[in-house]
C-alpha cells in the first residue's frame, strides 16, 4: 500500500508541474515581454493626404505625419535600445536609437486603413509591441481652366494595405462659365454641363441632370458614392455650348477618398492642470 501512495503522489506532482509550466507559456506570448513597460504617447491615429492637380499635372502632395513618443518606456531587465513603428503599408519599420531620442516619426503617402504596431526592444533582447489601426484618407483638389473639352479625372481607390476598400468617394465639383467681353466678335454663351462618375469597370454609377450655366455663372454637383470597389474610377464633365460650341469653362473638383472611422483612439500626453 505504501508503494501505491508514492506512485500516486509522484503522478500528481507531475501533473501539477505540467499545468504550471503551461500557464507560464500562456502568460508570455511570443513577441511580448513583461520586462518592458511600454508607454507611448501619440496625438493622432488618422489624417488626410492632400494632393493638388492642375491641368492633369500634379502640383503638390502633402502626406500625413504621425509621431510616437516612447520617452517613458522602460525595462526592468536593462536599458532600452530600440523604439519602432511598423506602418502596415509595406514599408520597413521606422526606428529610433533609444540613446538618442524617444520619438519615432512616419509619413504616410498612400491611403488605407492600416494595421500598424508600436514596439520597443531592450539590451537583453526583450521585446514588447502593441497593435494600432491607422486611418489615412485622401483629398484631391483638381482644376482645369479655359477648356471647352475638360479632361477626365482619375480616382485611384485601391488601398495600400490588405484591408477593406474606402467607405465612400465624396465629390464637390464646380464648373464656371467666365464672363466674356461683350462685343460683336465675342458673345458669351450658355453651356450645358453634365457630370458622370464611372467605376473601375467603366460602368456609370452616378450622373447629374444637365445644368444650364449662363455666361458669368457657375454650377455645382455634390455626390457621395458608397459601395466603392478597388480600382481606377473616373469623373467626367461634358460641356455643350450654344452657337459655335467654343465656350471656355473652368472646372474645379474636390474629391475625397474616405474610410470608415475604425482607427485606434489617440493617446496624447496629458498636461497636469495647475492647482488653484
Protein backbone atom coordinates (compact mmCIF):
# COMPACT_ATOMS: atom_id res chain seq x y z
CA UNK A 1 0.00 0.00 0.00
CA UNK A 2 2.82 2.40 0.79
CA UNK A 3 4.31 1.86 -2.66
CA UNK A 4 0.98 2.77 -4.30
CA UNK A 5 0.84 6.00 -2.31
CA UNK A 6 4.29 7.01 -3.61
CA UNK A 7 3.20 6.43 -7.22
CA UNK A 8 0.05 8.49 -6.75
CA UNK A 9 1.99 11.35 -5.16
CA UNK A 10 4.57 11.37 -7.98
CA UNK A 11 1.81 11.35 -10.63
CA UNK A 12 0.00 14.27 -9.02
CA UNK A 13 3.27 16.21 -8.75
CA UNK A 14 3.99 15.65 -12.45
CA UNK A 15 0.54 16.87 -13.47
CA UNK A 16 0.84 19.93 -11.24
CA UNK A 17 4.22 20.91 -12.67
CA UNK A 18 2.96 20.41 -16.20
CA UNK A 19 -0.04 22.64 -15.59
CA UNK A 20 2.15 25.37 -14.09
CA UNK A 21 4.58 25.33 -17.00
CA UNK A 22 1.65 25.66 -19.37
CA UNK A 23 0.42 28.74 -17.53
CA UNK A 24 3.85 30.37 -17.79
CA UNK A 25 3.93 29.92 -21.57
CA UNK A 26 0.44 31.41 -21.89
CA UNK A 27 1.40 34.49 -19.87
CA UNK A 28 4.49 35.09 -22.03
CA UNK A 29 3.30 35.12 -25.68
CA UNK A 30 5.96 35.34 -28.35
CA UNK A 31 7.00 38.91 -29.11
CA UNK A 32 5.66 40.32 -25.85
CA UNK A 33 7.92 40.57 -22.82
CA UNK A 34 6.65 41.50 -19.38
CA UNK A 35 10.04 43.08 -18.55
CA UNK A 36 9.25 46.08 -20.78
CA UNK A 37 6.81 48.74 -19.65
CA UNK A 38 5.69 50.17 -23.00
CA UNK A 39 4.41 53.73 -22.62
CA UNK A 40 3.73 55.51 -25.91
CA UNK A 41 2.03 58.84 -26.48
CA UNK A 42 0.55 59.91 -29.82
CA UNK A 43 -1.79 62.77 -30.68
CA UNK A 44 -3.35 61.27 -33.81
CA UNK A 45 -4.14 57.94 -35.45
CA UNK A 46 -5.72 59.36 -38.60
CA UNK A 47 -5.19 62.05 -41.18
CA UNK A 48 -5.76 63.13 -44.77
CA UNK A 49 -3.28 63.20 -47.64
CA UNK A 50 -3.76 66.33 -49.77
CA UNK A 51 -2.91 66.31 -53.48
CA UNK A 52 -3.23 69.25 -55.89
CA UNK A 53 -3.57 68.64 -59.64
CA UNK A 54 -3.81 71.34 -62.32
CA UNK A 55 -4.39 70.55 -65.99
CA UNK A 56 -3.81 66.84 -65.23
CA UNK A 57 -0.36 67.56 -63.73
CA UNK A 58 0.44 67.05 -60.06
CA UNK A 59 1.43 70.33 -58.41
CA UNK A 60 1.90 69.15 -54.84
CA UNK A 61 1.18 66.34 -52.41
CA UNK A 62 1.29 66.51 -48.63
CA UNK A 63 1.44 63.29 -46.64
CA UNK A 64 0.23 62.54 -43.11
CA UNK A 65 2.99 62.69 -40.50
CA UNK A 66 2.44 60.76 -37.26
CA UNK A 67 4.77 60.97 -34.25
CA UNK A 68 5.05 58.46 -31.40
CA UNK A 69 6.75 59.38 -28.11
CA UNK A 70 8.42 56.44 -26.30
CA UNK A 71 10.29 58.61 -23.78
CA UNK A 72 8.62 56.99 -20.78
CA UNK A 73 9.13 53.38 -21.94
CA UNK A 74 11.45 51.36 -19.67
CA UNK A 75 12.65 47.83 -18.94
CA UNK A 76 13.20 46.12 -15.61
CA UNK A 77 15.81 43.86 -17.25
CA UNK A 78 18.14 46.50 -18.70
CA UNK A 79 18.42 49.59 -20.87
CA UNK A 80 16.19 50.38 -23.84
CA UNK A 81 17.88 50.00 -27.24
CA UNK A 82 15.32 50.49 -29.99
CA UNK A 83 11.89 52.03 -30.40
CA UNK A 84 10.00 51.24 -33.59
CA UNK A 85 6.83 51.82 -35.58
CA UNK A 86 5.54 49.36 -38.20
CA UNK A 87 3.26 51.40 -40.53
CA UNK A 88 1.44 48.50 -42.19
CA UNK A 89 1.79 49.90 -45.72
CA UNK A 90 4.54 47.54 -46.80
CA UNK A 91 7.34 49.91 -45.82
CA UNK A 92 10.12 48.98 -43.42
CA UNK A 93 9.69 49.83 -39.76
CA UNK A 94 10.62 53.35 -38.69
CA UNK A 95 13.12 53.08 -35.83
CA UNK A 96 14.99 55.29 -33.39
CA UNK A 97 18.02 54.70 -31.20
CA UNK A 98 16.78 54.88 -27.61
CA UNK A 99 20.05 56.55 -26.53
CA UNK A 100 19.40 59.43 -28.90
CA UNK A 101 15.65 60.10 -28.88
CA UNK A 102 12.35 58.71 -27.72
CA UNK A 103 10.49 59.95 -30.80
CA UNK A 104 9.61 57.93 -33.89
CA UNK A 105 8.02 59.72 -36.86
CA UNK A 106 6.48 58.28 -40.00
CA UNK A 107 4.80 59.95 -43.00
CA UNK A 108 2.03 58.21 -44.95
CA UNK A 109 1.80 58.99 -48.67
CA UNK A 110 -0.88 56.43 -49.53
CA UNK A 111 -4.43 55.96 -48.27
CA UNK A 112 -5.84 52.97 -46.42
CA UNK A 113 -6.90 51.51 -43.08
CA UNK A 114 -3.57 50.20 -41.82
CA UNK A 115 -2.73 47.51 -39.25
CA UNK A 116 0.26 49.14 -37.55
CA UNK A 117 2.29 48.47 -34.41
CA UNK A 118 4.46 50.32 -31.88
CA UNK A 119 7.18 48.41 -30.05
CA UNK A 120 10.40 48.52 -28.08
CA UNK A 121 13.48 46.31 -27.54
CA UNK A 122 15.90 46.37 -24.59
CA UNK A 123 19.59 45.41 -24.44
CA UNK A 124 18.69 41.90 -23.24
CA UNK A 125 16.69 41.18 -26.38
CA UNK A 126 13.32 41.55 -24.68
CA UNK A 127 10.61 42.98 -26.93
CA UNK A 128 7.12 44.28 -26.43
CA UNK A 129 4.69 45.65 -29.01
CA UNK A 130 1.09 46.79 -29.28
CA UNK A 131 -1.13 46.90 -32.37
CA UNK A 132 -2.79 50.06 -33.72
CA UNK A 133 -5.24 50.80 -36.51
CA UNK A 134 -4.39 53.88 -38.56
CA UNK A 135 -6.88 55.57 -40.93
CA UNK A 136 -5.47 57.62 -43.80
CA UNK A 137 -7.93 59.35 -46.15
CA UNK A 138 -7.11 61.37 -49.25
CA UNK A 139 -8.30 64.71 -50.62
CA UNK A 140 -7.64 65.66 -54.25
CA UNK A 141 -8.04 69.24 -55.49
CA UNK A 142 -8.23 69.11 -59.30
CA UNK A 143 -8.53 72.09 -61.65
CA UNK A 144 -8.55 72.89 -65.35
CA UNK A 145 -9.02 76.37 -66.78
CA UNK A 146 -10.16 77.71 -70.14
CA UNK A 147 -11.30 74.48 -71.73
CA UNK A 148 -14.20 73.52 -73.98
CA UNK A 149 -13.43 69.82 -73.50
CA UNK A 150 -12.49 69.04 -69.88
CA UNK A 151 -10.08 66.20 -69.17
CA UNK A 152 -11.25 63.11 -67.31
CA UNK A 153 -10.17 62.94 -63.67
CA UNK A 154 -8.98 59.53 -62.49
CA UNK A 155 -9.56 58.43 -58.88
CA UNK A 156 -7.45 55.56 -57.53
CA UNK A 157 -9.44 53.78 -54.81
CA UNK A 158 -7.19 50.76 -54.19
CA UNK A 159 -5.87 50.96 -50.61
CA UNK A 160 -2.17 50.45 -49.94
CA UNK A 161 -2.86 47.66 -47.47
CA UNK A 162 -4.60 44.34 -47.03
CA UNK A 163 -7.81 46.00 -45.87
CA UNK A 164 -11.33 46.92 -46.91
CA UNK A 165 -11.76 49.47 -49.73
CA UNK A 166 -12.81 53.05 -48.94
CA UNK A 167 -16.21 53.58 -47.41
CA UNK A 168 -17.06 56.33 -49.90
CA UNK A 169 -15.94 58.80 -52.54
CA UNK A 170 -17.08 62.38 -51.97
CA UNK A 171 -17.38 64.80 -54.89
CA UNK A 172 -17.76 68.57 -54.76
CA UNK A 173 -17.37 69.87 -58.33
CA UNK A 174 -17.95 73.33 -59.79
CA UNK A 175 -17.99 74.39 -63.43
CA UNK A 176 -17.63 78.14 -64.01
CA UNK A 177 -18.52 79.89 -67.25
CA UNK A 178 -16.33 83.03 -67.13
CA UNK A 179 -17.89 86.21 -68.38
CA UNK A 180 -16.68 87.20 -71.83
CA UNK A 181 -16.35 90.79 -73.06
CA UNK A 182 -19.45 91.87 -74.94
CA UNK A 183 -18.52 92.85 -78.46
CA UNK A 184 -19.71 91.80 -81.90
CA UNK A 185 -16.99 89.18 -82.17
CA UNK A 186 -17.15 87.54 -78.70
CA UNK A 187 -20.60 86.99 -77.31
CA UNK A 188 -20.95 84.97 -74.09
CA UNK A 189 -22.77 81.68 -74.45
CA UNK A 190 -24.76 79.43 -72.15
CA UNK A 191 -23.30 75.96 -71.68
CA UNK A 192 -24.97 72.70 -70.67
CA UNK A 193 -22.96 70.75 -68.07
CA UNK A 194 -23.33 67.07 -67.14
CA UNK A 195 -21.22 65.25 -64.54
CA UNK A 196 -20.69 61.49 -64.68
CA UNK A 197 -18.92 59.08 -62.28
CA UNK A 198 -17.68 55.75 -63.66
CA UNK A 199 -16.45 52.82 -61.58
CA UNK A 200 -13.41 50.61 -62.20
CA UNK A 201 -15.26 48.70 -64.93
CA UNK A 202 -16.29 51.96 -66.67
CA UNK A 203 -19.91 51.49 -65.68
CA UNK A 204 -21.76 54.70 -64.81
CA UNK A 205 -22.58 54.73 -61.10
CA UNK A 206 -23.87 58.31 -60.87
CA UNK A 207 -24.83 61.04 -63.32
CA UNK A 208 -26.18 64.54 -62.82
CA UNK A 209 -29.05 66.12 -64.65
CA UNK A 210 -27.83 68.65 -67.26
CA UNK A 211 -27.22 72.10 -65.77
CA UNK A 212 -27.56 75.27 -67.84
CA UNK A 213 -24.78 77.69 -66.97
CA UNK A 214 -25.10 81.19 -68.38
CA UNK A 215 -22.18 83.45 -69.20
CA UNK A 216 -20.59 84.64 -65.94
CA UNK A 217 -22.36 81.95 -63.86
CA UNK A 218 -21.39 78.58 -62.33
CA UNK A 219 -22.98 75.29 -61.30
CA UNK A 220 -22.04 72.71 -58.67
CA UNK A 221 -22.55 68.95 -58.37
CA UNK A 222 -22.14 67.25 -54.99
CA UNK A 223 -22.27 63.48 -54.64
CA UNK A 224 -21.38 60.79 -52.08
CA UNK A 225 -20.59 57.43 -53.67
CA UNK A 226 -20.82 54.37 -51.41
CA UNK A 227 -20.08 50.72 -52.24
CA UNK A 228 -16.66 51.57 -53.62
CA UNK A 229 -14.63 48.74 -55.12
CA UNK A 230 -10.85 48.98 -55.57
CA UNK A 231 -9.57 50.22 -58.92
CA UNK A 232 -9.47 53.31 -61.10
CA UNK A 233 -12.66 55.40 -61.08
CA UNK A 234 -13.32 58.29 -63.46
CA UNK A 235 -15.05 61.64 -63.12
CA UNK A 236 -16.18 63.10 -66.44
CA UNK A 237 -17.65 66.50 -67.27
CA UNK A 238 -19.48 67.00 -70.56
CA UNK A 239 -19.79 70.54 -71.92
CA UNK A 240 -22.14 71.56 -74.70
CA UNK A 241 -22.18 75.21 -75.74
CA UNK A 242 -24.72 77.12 -77.75
CA UNK A 243 -23.72 78.74 -81.00
CA UNK A 244 -20.28 77.76 -82.29
CA UNK A 245 -19.54 75.48 -79.33
CA UNK A 246 -16.24 77.15 -78.41
CA UNK A 247 -17.18 78.48 -74.99
CA UNK A 248 -14.33 78.11 -72.48
CA UNK A 249 -15.07 76.99 -68.90
CA UNK A 250 -13.14 76.34 -65.69
CA UNK A 251 -13.56 73.04 -63.85
CA UNK A 252 -12.77 72.62 -60.14
CA UNK A 253 -13.09 69.21 -58.45
CA UNK A 254 -12.61 68.44 -54.78
CA UNK A 255 -12.67 64.65 -54.36
CA UNK A 256 -12.32 62.72 -51.11
CA UNK A 257 -11.41 59.07 -50.64
CA UNK A 258 -12.68 58.24 -47.16
CA UNK A 259 -12.53 55.13 -44.96
CA UNK A 260 -14.70 54.05 -42.06
CA UNK A 261 -13.69 55.59 -38.74
CA UNK A 262 -12.16 52.43 -37.27
CA UNK A 263 -8.84 53.91 -36.17
CA UNK A 264 -7.42 53.42 -32.68
CA UNK A 265 -8.12 56.08 -30.09
CA UNK A 266 -5.25 58.63 -29.82
CA UNK A 267 -3.20 58.63 -26.64
CA UNK A 268 -1.93 62.20 -26.14
CA UNK A 269 0.31 63.09 -23.24
CA UNK A 270 -1.84 64.72 -20.59
CA UNK A 271 -0.70 68.01 -19.10
CA UNK A 272 -1.42 68.34 -15.37
CA UNK A 273 -3.87 71.09 -14.54
CA UNK A 274 -2.28 73.55 -12.10
CA UNK A 275 -3.98 73.63 -8.75
CA UNK A 276 -5.76 76.83 -7.89
